[in-house]
């Protein structure tokens, strides 16, 4: 396989293999929403809920940076500030690792 710098994750694979582990069921639509330093996917469920999933690029942020961002969002949520509300993964963390071609 030829080395890549950045890949775009398959929305179908995200819906099938990743979202159920975040407790997101009944996915009606999962699509690539925006790219840049991070890629964002927009998810719509059959119940009308909308979620956004962020995929961080390898070496762009450290795990500590990502955890800090999630801690800030959770702090805002607990203080009733209108901000994105992270959804926990099945292990209780608010993120998971995915093996992509670049690492």
PDB file of N, CA and C in Angstrom:
ATOM      1  N   UNK A   1       0.852  -1.177   0.000  1.00  0.00           N
ATOM      2  CA  UNK A   1       0.000   0.000   0.000  1.00  0.00           C
ATOM      3  C   UNK A   1       0.895   1.237   0.000  1.00  0.00           C
ATOM      4  N   UNK A   2       0.558   2.203  -0.830  1.00  0.00           N
ATOM      5  CA  UNK A   2       1.312   3.440  -0.903  1.00  0.00           C
ATOM      6  C   UNK A   2       1.016   4.288   0.328  1.00  0.00           C
ATOM      7  N   UNK A   3       2.027   4.866   0.966  1.00  0.00           N
ATOM      8  CA  UNK A   3       1.796   5.678   2.161  1.00  0.00           C
ATOM      9  C   UNK A   3       0.910   6.888   1.861  1.00  0.00           C
ATOM     10  N   UNK A   4       0.075   7.233   2.828  1.00  0.00           N
ATOM     11  CA  UNK A   4      -0.792   8.404   2.699  1.00  0.00           C
ATOM     12  C   UNK A   4      -0.556   9.343   3.877  1.00  0.00           C
ATOM     13  N   UNK A   5      -0.883  10.602   3.685  1.00  0.00           N
ATOM     14  CA  UNK A   5      -0.777  11.593   4.755  1.00  0.00           C
ATOM     15  C   UNK A   5      -2.092  11.685   5.506  1.00  0.00           C
ATOM     16  N   UNK A   6      -3.194  11.658   4.765  1.00  0.00           N
ATOM     17  CA  UNK A   6      -4.506  11.777   5.390  1.00  0.00           C
ATOM     18  C   UNK A   6      -5.526  10.999   4.569  1.00  0.00           C
ATOM     19  N   UNK A   7      -6.296  10.187   5.238  1.00  0.00           N
ATOM     20  CA  UNK A   7      -7.356   9.454   4.561  1.00  0.00           C
ATOM     21  C   UNK A   7      -8.698   9.936   5.088  1.00  0.00           C
ATOM     22  N   UNK A   8      -9.730   9.710   4.308  1.00  0.00           N
ATOM     23  CA  UNK A   8     -11.085  10.035   4.744  1.00  0.00           C
ATOM     24  C   UNK A   8     -11.753   8.713   5.082  1.00  0.00           C
ATOM     25  N   UNK A   9     -12.247   8.622   6.300  1.00  0.00           N
ATOM     26  CA  UNK A   9     -12.882   7.390   6.756  1.00  0.00           C
ATOM     27  C   UNK A   9     -14.205   7.180   6.034  1.00  0.00           C
ATOM     28  N   UNK A  10     -14.538   5.940   5.791  1.00  0.00           N
ATOM     29  CA  UNK A  10     -15.782   5.597   5.121  1.00  0.00           C
ATOM     30  C   UNK A  10     -16.974   5.878   6.034  1.00  0.00           C
ATOM     31  N   UNK A  11     -17.904   6.734   5.602  1.00  0.00           N
ATOM     32  CA  UNK A  11     -19.100   6.972   6.416  1.00  0.00           C
ATOM     33  C   UNK A  11     -19.886   5.693   6.693  1.00  0.00           C
ATOM     34  N   UNK A  12     -19.936   4.793   5.705  1.00  0.00           N
ATOM     35  CA  UNK A  12     -20.644   3.522   5.907  1.00  0.00           C
ATOM     36  C   UNK A  12     -19.994   2.707   7.022  1.00  0.00           C
ATOM     37  N   UNK A  13     -18.666   2.634   7.022  1.00  0.00           N
ATOM     38  CA  UNK A  13     -17.954   1.882   8.065  1.00  0.00           C
ATOM     39  C   UNK A  13     -18.106   2.552   9.429  1.00  0.00           C
ATOM     40  N   UNK A  14     -18.130   3.870   9.466  1.00  0.00           N
ATOM     41  CA  UNK A  14     -18.360   4.582  10.731  1.00  0.00           C
ATOM     42  C   UNK A  14     -19.723   4.192  11.296  1.00  0.00           C
ATOM     43  N   UNK A  15     -20.747   4.228  10.434  1.00  0.00           N
ATOM     44  CA  UNK A  15     -22.104   3.898  10.878  1.00  0.00           C
ATOM     45  C   UNK A  15     -22.202   2.444  11.346  1.00  0.00           C
ATOM     46  N   UNK A  16     -21.511   1.564  10.669  1.00  0.00           N
ATOM     47  CA  UNK A  16     -21.607   0.131  10.967  1.00  0.00           C
ATOM     48  C   UNK A  16     -20.722  -0.299  12.136  1.00  0.00           C
ATOM     49  N   UNK A  17     -19.492   0.196  12.177  1.00  0.00           N
ATOM     50  CA  UNK A  17     -18.498  -0.332  13.122  1.00  0.00           C
ATOM     51  C   UNK A  17     -18.173   0.577  14.305  1.00  0.00           C
ATOM     52  N   UNK A  18     -18.398   1.871  14.196  1.00  0.00           N
ATOM     53  CA  UNK A  18     -17.998   2.806  15.247  1.00  0.00           C
ATOM     54  C   UNK A  18     -19.191   3.299  16.060  1.00  0.00           C
ATOM     55  N   UNK A  19     -20.208   3.807  15.393  1.00  0.00           N
ATOM     56  CA  UNK A  19     -21.326   4.444  16.091  1.00  0.00           C
ATOM     57  C   UNK A  19     -22.055   3.546  17.081  1.00  0.00           C
ATOM     58  N   UNK A  20     -22.281   2.252  16.792  1.00  0.00           N
ATOM     59  CA  UNK A  20     -22.946   1.411  17.803  1.00  0.00           C
ATOM     60  C   UNK A  20     -22.184   1.356  19.129  1.00  0.00           C
ATOM     61  N   UNK A  21     -20.862   1.470  19.076  1.00  0.00           N
ATOM     62  CA  UNK A  21     -20.054   1.461  20.296  1.00  0.00           C
ATOM     63  C   UNK A  21     -20.165   2.764  21.082  1.00  0.00           C
ATOM     64  N   UNK A  22     -20.721   3.791  20.455  1.00  0.00           N
ATOM     65  CA  UNK A  22     -21.033   5.041  21.140  1.00  0.00           C
ATOM     66  C   UNK A  22     -22.504   5.065  21.558  1.00  0.00           C
ATOM     67  N   UNK A  23     -23.211   3.972  21.332  1.00  0.00           N
ATOM     68  CA  UNK A  23     -24.626   3.899  21.687  1.00  0.00           C
ATOM     69  C   UNK A  23     -25.527   4.620  20.708  1.00  0.00           C
ATOM     70  N   UNK A  24     -25.012   4.946  19.533  1.00  0.00           N
ATOM     71  CA  UNK A  24     -25.806   5.617  18.509  1.00  0.00           C
ATOM     72  C   UNK A  24     -26.382   4.540  17.594  1.00  0.00           C
ATOM     73  N   UNK A  25     -27.677   4.319  17.713  1.00  0.00           N
ATOM     74  CA  UNK A  25     -28.365   3.287  16.936  1.00  0.00           C
ATOM     75  C   UNK A  25     -29.331   3.932  15.956  1.00  0.00           C
ATOM     76  N   UNK A  26     -29.812   3.147  15.023  1.00  0.00           N
ATOM     77  CA  UNK A  26     -30.797   3.637  14.061  1.00  0.00           C
ATOM     78  C   UNK A  26     -30.245   4.731  13.173  1.00  0.00           C
ATOM     79  N   UNK A  27     -29.038   4.556  12.671  1.00  0.00           N
ATOM     80  CA  UNK A  27     -28.427   5.582  11.819  1.00  0.00           C
ATOM     81  C   UNK A  27     -29.132   5.591  10.463  1.00  0.00           C
ATOM     82  N   UNK A  28     -29.699   6.725  10.141  1.00  0.00           N
ATOM     83  CA  UNK A  28     -30.368   6.906   8.851  1.00  0.00           C
ATOM     84  C   UNK A  28     -29.378   7.432   7.812  1.00  0.00           C
ATOM     85  N   UNK A  29     -28.445   8.274   8.279  1.00  0.00           N
ATOM     86  CA  UNK A  29     -27.492   8.881   7.360  1.00  0.00           C
ATOM     87  C   UNK A  29     -26.200   9.200   8.108  1.00  0.00           C
ATOM     88  N   UNK A  30     -25.085   8.878   7.496  1.00  0.00           N
ATOM     89  CA  UNK A  30     -23.766   9.268   7.996  1.00  0.00           C
ATOM     90  C   UNK A  30     -23.008   9.775   6.786  1.00  0.00           C
ATOM     91  N   UNK A  31     -22.603  11.032   6.851  1.00  0.00           N
ATOM     92  CA  UNK A  31     -21.895  11.576   5.695  1.00  0.00           C
ATOM     93  C   UNK A  31     -20.748  12.477   6.136  1.00  0.00           C
ATOM     94  N   UNK A  32     -19.746  12.533   5.261  1.00  0.00           N
ATOM     95  CA  UNK A  32     -18.622  13.436   5.471  1.00  0.00           C
ATOM     96  C   UNK A  32     -19.172  14.855   5.446  1.00  0.00           C
ATOM     97  N   UNK A  33     -18.872  15.628   6.489  1.00  0.00           N
ATOM     98  CA  UNK A  33     -19.444  16.961   6.638  1.00  0.00           C
ATOM     99  C   UNK A  33     -18.425  18.051   6.300  1.00  0.00           C
ATOM    100  N   UNK A  34     -17.216  17.935   6.856  1.00  0.00           N
ATOM    101  CA  UNK A  34     -16.177  18.922   6.558  1.00  0.00           C
ATOM    102  C   UNK A  34     -14.810  18.337   6.859  1.00  0.00           C
ATOM    103  N   UNK A  35     -13.814  18.874   6.195  1.00  0.00           N
ATOM    104  CA  UNK A  35     -12.444  18.417   6.394  1.00  0.00           C
ATOM    105  C   UNK A  35     -11.536  19.576   6.737  1.00  0.00           C
ATOM    106  N   UNK A  36     -10.347  19.253   7.112  1.00  0.00           N
ATOM    107  CA  UNK A  36      -9.355  20.246   7.504  1.00  0.00           C
ATOM    108  C   UNK A  36      -8.344  19.558   8.392  1.00  0.00           C
ATOM    109  N   UNK A  37      -8.010  20.192   9.497  1.00  0.00           N
ATOM    110  CA  UNK A  37      -7.100  19.547  10.438  1.00  0.00           C
ATOM    111  C   UNK A  37      -7.761  18.320  11.059  1.00  0.00           C
ATOM    112  N   UNK A  38      -9.077  18.365  11.163  1.00  0.00           N
ATOM    113  CA  UNK A  38      -9.886  17.236  11.617  1.00  0.00           C
ATOM    114  C   UNK A  38     -10.973  17.034  10.573  1.00  0.00           C
ATOM    115  N   UNK A  39     -11.470  15.809  10.474  1.00  0.00           N
ATOM    116  CA  UNK A  39     -12.615  15.558   9.611  1.00  0.00           C
ATOM    117  C   UNK A  39     -13.843  15.422  10.491  1.00  0.00           C
ATOM    118  N   UNK A  40     -14.953  15.954  10.013  1.00  0.00           N
ATOM    119  CA  UNK A  40     -16.191  15.883  10.761  1.00  0.00           C
ATOM    120  C   UNK A  40     -17.238  15.167   9.923  1.00  0.00           C
ATOM    121  N   UNK A  41     -17.979  14.282  10.573  1.00  0.00           N
ATOM    122  CA  UNK A  41     -19.043  13.516   9.942  1.00  0.00           C
ATOM    123  C   UNK A  41     -20.356  13.875  10.626  1.00  0.00           C
ATOM    124  N   UNK A  42     -21.406  14.038   9.823  1.00  0.00           N
ATOM    125  CA  UNK A  42     -22.733  14.350  10.366  1.00  0.00           C
ATOM    126  C   UNK A  42     -23.582  13.086  10.319  1.00  0.00           C
ATOM    127  N   UNK A  43     -24.182  12.775  11.450  1.00  0.00           N
ATOM    128  CA  UNK A  43     -24.978  11.562  11.583  1.00  0.00           C
ATOM    129  C   UNK A  43     -26.411  11.947  11.913  1.00  0.00           C
ATOM    130  N   UNK A  44     -27.371  11.384  11.184  1.00  0.00           N
ATOM    131  CA  UNK A  44     -28.791  11.553  11.483  1.00  0.00           C
ATOM    132  C   UNK A  44     -29.356  10.178  11.812  1.00  0.00           C
ATOM    133  N   UNK A  45     -30.164  10.126  12.868  1.00  0.00           N
ATOM    134  CA  UNK A  45     -30.781   8.858  13.247  1.00  0.00           C
ATOM    135  C   UNK A  45     -32.239   8.815  12.792  1.00  0.00           C
ATOM    136  N   UNK A  46     -32.807   7.631  12.832  1.00  0.00           N
ATOM    137  CA  UNK A  46     -34.212   7.468  12.462  1.00  0.00           C
ATOM    138  C   UNK A  46     -35.130   8.187  13.435  1.00  0.00           C
ATOM    139  N   UNK A  47     -34.648   8.468  14.647  1.00  0.00           N
ATOM    140  CA  UNK A  47     -35.441   9.205  15.635  1.00  0.00           C
ATOM    141  C   UNK A  47     -35.325  10.717  15.481  1.00  0.00           C
ATOM    142  N   UNK A  48     -34.526  11.168  14.506  1.00  0.00           N
ATOM    143  CA  UNK A  48     -34.376  12.592  14.263  1.00  0.00           C
ATOM    144  C   UNK A  48     -33.232  13.253  15.006  1.00  0.00           C
ATOM    145  N   UNK A  49     -32.442  12.471  15.736  1.00  0.00           N
ATOM    146  CA  UNK A  49     -31.278  13.034  16.434  1.00  0.00           C
ATOM    147  C   UNK A  49     -30.149  13.294  15.447  1.00  0.00           C
ATOM    148  N   UNK A  50     -29.371  14.320  15.728  1.00  0.00           N
ATOM    149  CA  UNK A  50     -28.209  14.645  14.903  1.00  0.00           C
ATOM    150  C   UNK A  50     -26.972  14.637  15.788  1.00  0.00           C
ATOM    151  N   UNK A  51     -25.951  13.935  15.323  1.00  0.00           N
ATOM    152  CA  UNK A  51     -24.668  13.850  16.020  1.00  0.00           C
ATOM    153  C   UNK A  51     -23.570  14.249  15.050  1.00  0.00           C
ATOM    154  N   UNK A  52     -22.455  14.696  15.593  1.00  0.00           N
ATOM    155  CA  UNK A  52     -21.272  14.969  14.797  1.00  0.00           C
ATOM    156  C   UNK A  52     -20.122  14.169  15.378  1.00  0.00           C
ATOM    157  N   UNK A  53     -19.384  13.514  14.511  1.00  0.00           N
ATOM    158  CA  UNK A  53     -18.219  12.737  14.928  1.00  0.00           C
ATOM    159  C   UNK A  53     -16.982  13.417  14.359  1.00  0.00           C
ATOM    160  N   UNK A  54     -15.997  13.615  15.203  1.00  0.00           N
ATOM    161  CA  UNK A  54     -14.748  14.244  14.769  1.00  0.00           C
ATOM    162  C   UNK A  54     -13.661  13.186  14.698  1.00  0.00           C
ATOM    163  N   UNK A  55     -12.972  13.161  13.568  1.00  0.00           N
ATOM    164  CA  UNK A  55     -11.820  12.277  13.384  1.00  0.00           C
ATOM    165  C   UNK A  55     -10.566  13.154  13.359  1.00  0.00           C
ATOM    166  N   UNK A  56      -9.716  12.960  14.351  1.00  0.00           N
ATOM    167  CA  UNK A  56      -8.478  13.735  14.446  1.00  0.00           C
ATOM    168  C   UNK A  56      -7.409  13.094  13.573  1.00  0.00           C
ATOM    169  N   UNK A  57      -6.635  13.911  12.919  1.00  0.00           N
ATOM    170  CA  UNK A  57      -5.547  13.404  12.085  1.00  0.00           C
ATOM    171  C   UNK A  57      -4.358  12.983  12.953  1.00  0.00           C
ATOM    172  N   UNK A  58      -3.680  11.966  12.498  1.00  0.00           N
ATOM    173  CA  UNK A  58      -2.506  11.462  13.182  1.00  0.00           C
ATOM    174  C   UNK A  58      -1.467  12.573  13.318  1.00  0.00           C
ATOM    175  N   UNK A  59      -0.929  12.726  14.498  1.00  0.00           N
ATOM    176  CA  UNK A  59       0.135  13.683  14.807  1.00  0.00           C
ATOM    177  C   UNK A  59      -0.324  15.137  14.815  1.00  0.00           C
ATOM    178  N   UNK A  60      -1.611  15.415  14.607  1.00  0.00           N
ATOM    179  CA  UNK A  60      -2.072  16.798  14.658  1.00  0.00           C
ATOM    180  C   UNK A  60      -2.300  17.211  16.109  1.00  0.00           C
ATOM    181  N   UNK A  61      -2.899  16.346  16.891  1.00  0.00           N
ATOM    182  CA  UNK A  61      -3.137  16.586  18.311  1.00  0.00           C
ATOM    183  C   UNK A  61      -2.655  15.381  19.098  1.00  0.00           C
ATOM    184  N   UNK A  62      -2.160  15.627  20.292  1.00  0.00           N
ATOM    185  CA  UNK A  62      -1.795  14.517  21.162  1.00  0.00           C
ATOM    186  C   UNK A  62      -3.060  14.006  21.841  1.00  0.00           C
ATOM    187  N   UNK A  63      -2.973  12.825  22.397  1.00  0.00           N
ATOM    188  CA  UNK A  63      -4.105  12.286  23.133  1.00  0.00           C
ATOM    189  C   UNK A  63      -4.469  13.212  24.293  1.00  0.00           C
ATOM    190  N   UNK A  64      -3.474  13.811  24.940  1.00  0.00           N
ATOM    191  CA  UNK A  64      -3.732  14.761  26.035  1.00  0.00           C
ATOM    192  C   UNK A  64      -4.495  15.987  25.521  1.00  0.00           C
ATOM    193  N   UNK A  65      -4.153  16.478  24.325  1.00  0.00           N
ATOM    194  CA  UNK A  65      -4.872  17.614  23.728  1.00  0.00           C
ATOM    195  C   UNK A  65      -6.334  17.257  23.480  1.00  0.00           C
ATOM    196  N   UNK A  66      -6.560  16.082  22.934  1.00  0.00           N
ATOM    197  CA  UNK A  66      -7.925  15.636  22.638  1.00  0.00           C
ATOM    198  C   UNK A  66      -8.711  15.478  23.935  1.00  0.00           C
ATOM    199  N   UNK A  67      -8.090  14.862  24.929  1.00  0.00           N
ATOM    200  CA  UNK A  67      -8.763  14.672  26.212  1.00  0.00           C
ATOM    201  C   UNK A  67      -9.097  16.014  26.857  1.00  0.00           C
ATOM    202  N   UNK A  68      -8.212  16.989  26.748  1.00  0.00           N
ATOM    203  CA  UNK A  68      -8.469  18.319  27.306  1.00  0.00           C
ATOM    204  C   UNK A  68      -9.685  18.957  26.624  1.00  0.00           C
ATOM    205  N   UNK A  69      -9.742  18.868  25.293  1.00  0.00           N
ATOM    206  CA  UNK A  69     -10.887  19.425  24.562  1.00  0.00           C
ATOM    207  C   UNK A  69     -12.192  18.769  25.033  1.00  0.00           C
ATOM    208  N   UNK A  70     -12.179  17.457  25.200  1.00  0.00           N
ATOM    209  CA  UNK A  70     -13.372  16.744  25.668  1.00  0.00           C
ATOM    210  C   UNK A  70     -13.721  17.126  27.104  1.00  0.00           C
ATOM    211  N   UNK A  71     -12.703  17.311  27.936  1.00  0.00           N
ATOM    212  CA  UNK A  71     -12.949  17.743  29.328  1.00  0.00           C
ATOM    213  C   UNK A  71     -13.602  19.124  29.365  1.00  0.00           C
ATOM    214  N   UNK A  72     -13.151  20.030  28.502  1.00  0.00           N
ATOM    215  CA  UNK A  72     -13.750  21.365  28.444  1.00  0.00           C
ATOM    216  C   UNK A  72     -15.207  21.267  28.004  1.00  0.00           C
ATOM    217  N   UNK A  73     -15.483  20.467  26.972  1.00  0.00           N
ATOM    218  CA  UNK A  73     -16.869  20.307  26.512  1.00  0.00           C
ATOM    219  C   UNK A  73     -17.751  19.708  27.600  1.00  0.00           C
ATOM    220  N   UNK A  74     -17.231  18.721  28.326  1.00  0.00           N
ATOM    221  CA  UNK A  74     -18.009  18.131  29.422  1.00  0.00           C
ATOM    222  C   UNK A  74     -18.223  19.127  30.553  1.00  0.00           C
ATOM    223  N   UNK A  75     -17.220  19.947  30.835  1.00  0.00           N
ATOM    224  CA  UNK A  75     -17.371  20.988  31.860  1.00  0.00           C
ATOM    225  C   UNK A  75     -18.484  21.964  31.461  1.00  0.00           C
ATOM    226  N   UNK A  76     -18.482  22.391  30.208  1.00  0.00           N
ATOM    227  CA  UNK A  76     -19.519  23.291  29.723  1.00  0.00           C
ATOM    228  C   UNK A  76     -20.896  22.637  29.823  1.00  0.00           C
ATOM    229  N   UNK A  77     -20.975  21.359  29.456  1.00  0.00           N
ATOM    230  CA  UNK A  77     -22.245  20.627  29.517  1.00  0.00           C
ATOM    231  C   UNK A  77     -22.768  20.583  30.951  1.00  0.00           C
ATOM    232  N   UNK A  78     -21.891  20.288  31.904  1.00  0.00           N
ATOM    233  CA  UNK A  78     -22.306  20.183  33.312  1.00  0.00           C
ATOM    234  C   UNK A  78     -22.704  21.529  33.910  1.00  0.00           C
ATOM    235  N   UNK A  79     -22.299  22.607  33.240  1.00  0.00           N
ATOM    236  CA  UNK A  79     -22.670  23.948  33.694  1.00  0.00           C
ATOM    237  C   UNK A  79     -23.751  24.567  32.807  1.00  0.00           C
ATOM    238  N   UNK A  80     -24.481  23.699  32.097  1.00  0.00           N
ATOM    239  CA  UNK A  80     -25.624  24.095  31.268  1.00  0.00           C
ATOM    240  C   UNK A  80     -25.290  25.133  30.197  1.00  0.00           C
ATOM    241  N   UNK A  81     -24.065  25.102  29.707  1.00  0.00           N
ATOM    242  CA  UNK A  81     -23.673  25.989  28.616  1.00  0.00           C
ATOM    243  C   UNK A  81     -24.003  25.290  27.298  1.00  0.00           C
ATOM    244  N   UNK A  82     -24.584  25.999  26.335  1.00  0.00           N
ATOM    245  CA  UNK A  82     -24.960  25.358  25.077  1.00  0.00           C
ATOM    246  C   UNK A  82     -23.739  25.060  24.205  1.00  0.00           C
ATOM    247  N   UNK A  83     -23.188  23.889  24.381  1.00  0.00           N
ATOM    248  CA  UNK A  83     -22.023  23.458  23.611  1.00  0.00           C
ATOM    249  C   UNK A  83     -22.225  22.004  23.208  1.00  0.00           C
ATOM    250  N   UNK A  84     -21.375  21.522  22.334  1.00  0.00           N
ATOM    251  CA  UNK A  84     -21.437  20.114  21.932  1.00  0.00           C
ATOM    252  C   UNK A  84     -21.299  19.231  23.163  1.00  0.00           C
ATOM    253  N   UNK A  85     -22.071  18.165  23.188  1.00  0.00           N
ATOM    254  CA  UNK A  85     -22.051  17.250  24.328  1.00  0.00           C
ATOM    255  C   UNK A  85     -21.416  15.929  23.885  1.00  0.00           C
ATOM    256  N   UNK A  86     -20.214  15.634  24.351  1.00  0.00           N
ATOM    257  CA  UNK A  86     -19.572  14.375  23.974  1.00  0.00           C
ATOM    258  C   UNK A  86     -20.397  13.163  24.411  1.00  0.00           C
ATOM    259  N   UNK A  87     -20.359  12.127  23.575  1.00  0.00           N
ATOM    260  CA  UNK A  87     -21.056  10.871  23.849  1.00  0.00           C
ATOM    261  C   UNK A  87     -20.003   9.838  24.217  1.00  0.00           C
ATOM    262  N   UNK A  88     -20.170   9.133  25.334  1.00  0.00           N
ATOM    263  CA  UNK A  88     -19.144   8.160  25.731  1.00  0.00           C
ATOM    264  C   UNK A  88     -19.139   6.906  24.865  1.00  0.00           C
ATOM    265  N   UNK A  89     -17.956   6.387  24.663  1.00  0.00           N
ATOM    266  CA  UNK A  89     -17.742   5.105  23.989  1.00  0.00           C
ATOM    267  C   UNK A  89     -18.086   3.996  24.982  1.00  0.00           C
ATOM    268  N   UNK A  90     -18.176   2.785  24.525  1.00  0.00           N
ATOM    269  CA  UNK A  90     -18.575   1.674  25.401  1.00  0.00           C
ATOM    270  C   UNK A  90     -17.642   1.473  26.592  1.00  0.00           C
ATOM    271  N   UNK A  91     -16.382   1.932  26.488  1.00  0.00           N
ATOM    272  CA  UNK A  91     -15.441   1.792  27.603  1.00  0.00           C
ATOM    273  C   UNK A  91     -15.477   2.988  28.555  1.00  0.00           C
ATOM    274  N   UNK A  92     -16.386   3.941  28.300  1.00  0.00           N
ATOM    275  CA  UNK A  92     -16.519   5.106  29.164  1.00  0.00           C
ATOM    276  C   UNK A  92     -15.719   6.312  28.703  1.00  0.00           C
ATOM    277  N   UNK A  93     -14.750   6.100  27.824  1.00  0.00           N
ATOM    278  CA  UNK A  93     -13.988   7.227  27.269  1.00  0.00           C
ATOM    279  C   UNK A  93     -14.856   7.944  26.245  1.00  0.00           C
ATOM    280  N   UNK A  94     -14.471   9.146  25.882  1.00  0.00           N
ATOM    281  CA  UNK A  94     -15.221   9.908  24.900  1.00  0.00           C
ATOM    282  C   UNK A  94     -14.545   9.886  23.534  1.00  0.00           C
ATOM    283  N   UNK A  95     -13.724   8.887  23.289  1.00  0.00           N
ATOM    284  CA  UNK A  95     -13.036   8.746  22.016  1.00  0.00           C
ATOM    285  C   UNK A  95     -12.672   7.281  21.815  1.00  0.00           C
ATOM    286  N   UNK A  96     -12.295   6.962  20.586  1.00  0.00           N
ATOM    287  CA  UNK A  96     -11.761   5.638  20.278  1.00  0.00           C
ATOM    288  C   UNK A  96     -10.716   5.808  19.182  1.00  0.00           C
ATOM    289  N   UNK A  97      -9.833   4.853  19.076  1.00  0.00           N
ATOM    290  CA  UNK A  97      -8.800   4.870  18.033  1.00  0.00           C
ATOM    291  C   UNK A  97      -9.275   4.037  16.854  1.00  0.00           C
ATOM    292  N   UNK A  98      -8.902   4.476  15.659  1.00  0.00           N
ATOM    293  CA  UNK A  98      -9.247   3.776  14.431  1.00  0.00           C
ATOM    294  C   UNK A  98      -7.969   3.583  13.637  1.00  0.00           C
ATOM    295  N   UNK A  99      -7.759   2.384  13.132  1.00  0.00           N
ATOM    296  CA  UNK A  99      -6.593   2.131  12.277  1.00  0.00           C
ATOM    297  C   UNK A  99      -6.873   2.635  10.873  1.00  0.00           C
ATOM    298  N   UNK A 100      -6.188   3.688  10.480  1.00  0.00           N
ATOM    299  CA  UNK A 100      -6.318   4.251   9.144  1.00  0.00           C
ATOM    300  C   UNK A 100      -5.006   4.000   8.402  1.00  0.00           C
ATOM    301  N   UNK A 101      -4.978   4.138   7.082  1.00  0.00           N
ATOM    302  CA  UNK A 101      -3.760   3.846   6.324  1.00  0.00           C
ATOM    303  C   UNK A 101      -2.531   4.623   6.778  1.00  0.00           C
ATOM    304  N   UNK A 102      -2.713   5.849   7.296  1.00  0.00           N
ATOM    305  CA  UNK A 102      -1.542   6.638   7.714  1.00  0.00           C
ATOM    306  C   UNK A 102      -1.116   6.353   9.143  1.00  0.00           C
ATOM    307  N   UNK A 103      -1.841   5.496   9.813  1.00  0.00           N
ATOM    308  CA  UNK A 103      -1.453   5.130  11.177  1.00  0.00           C
ATOM    309  C   UNK A 103      -2.576   5.269  12.142  1.00  0.00           C
TER     310      UNK A 103
END
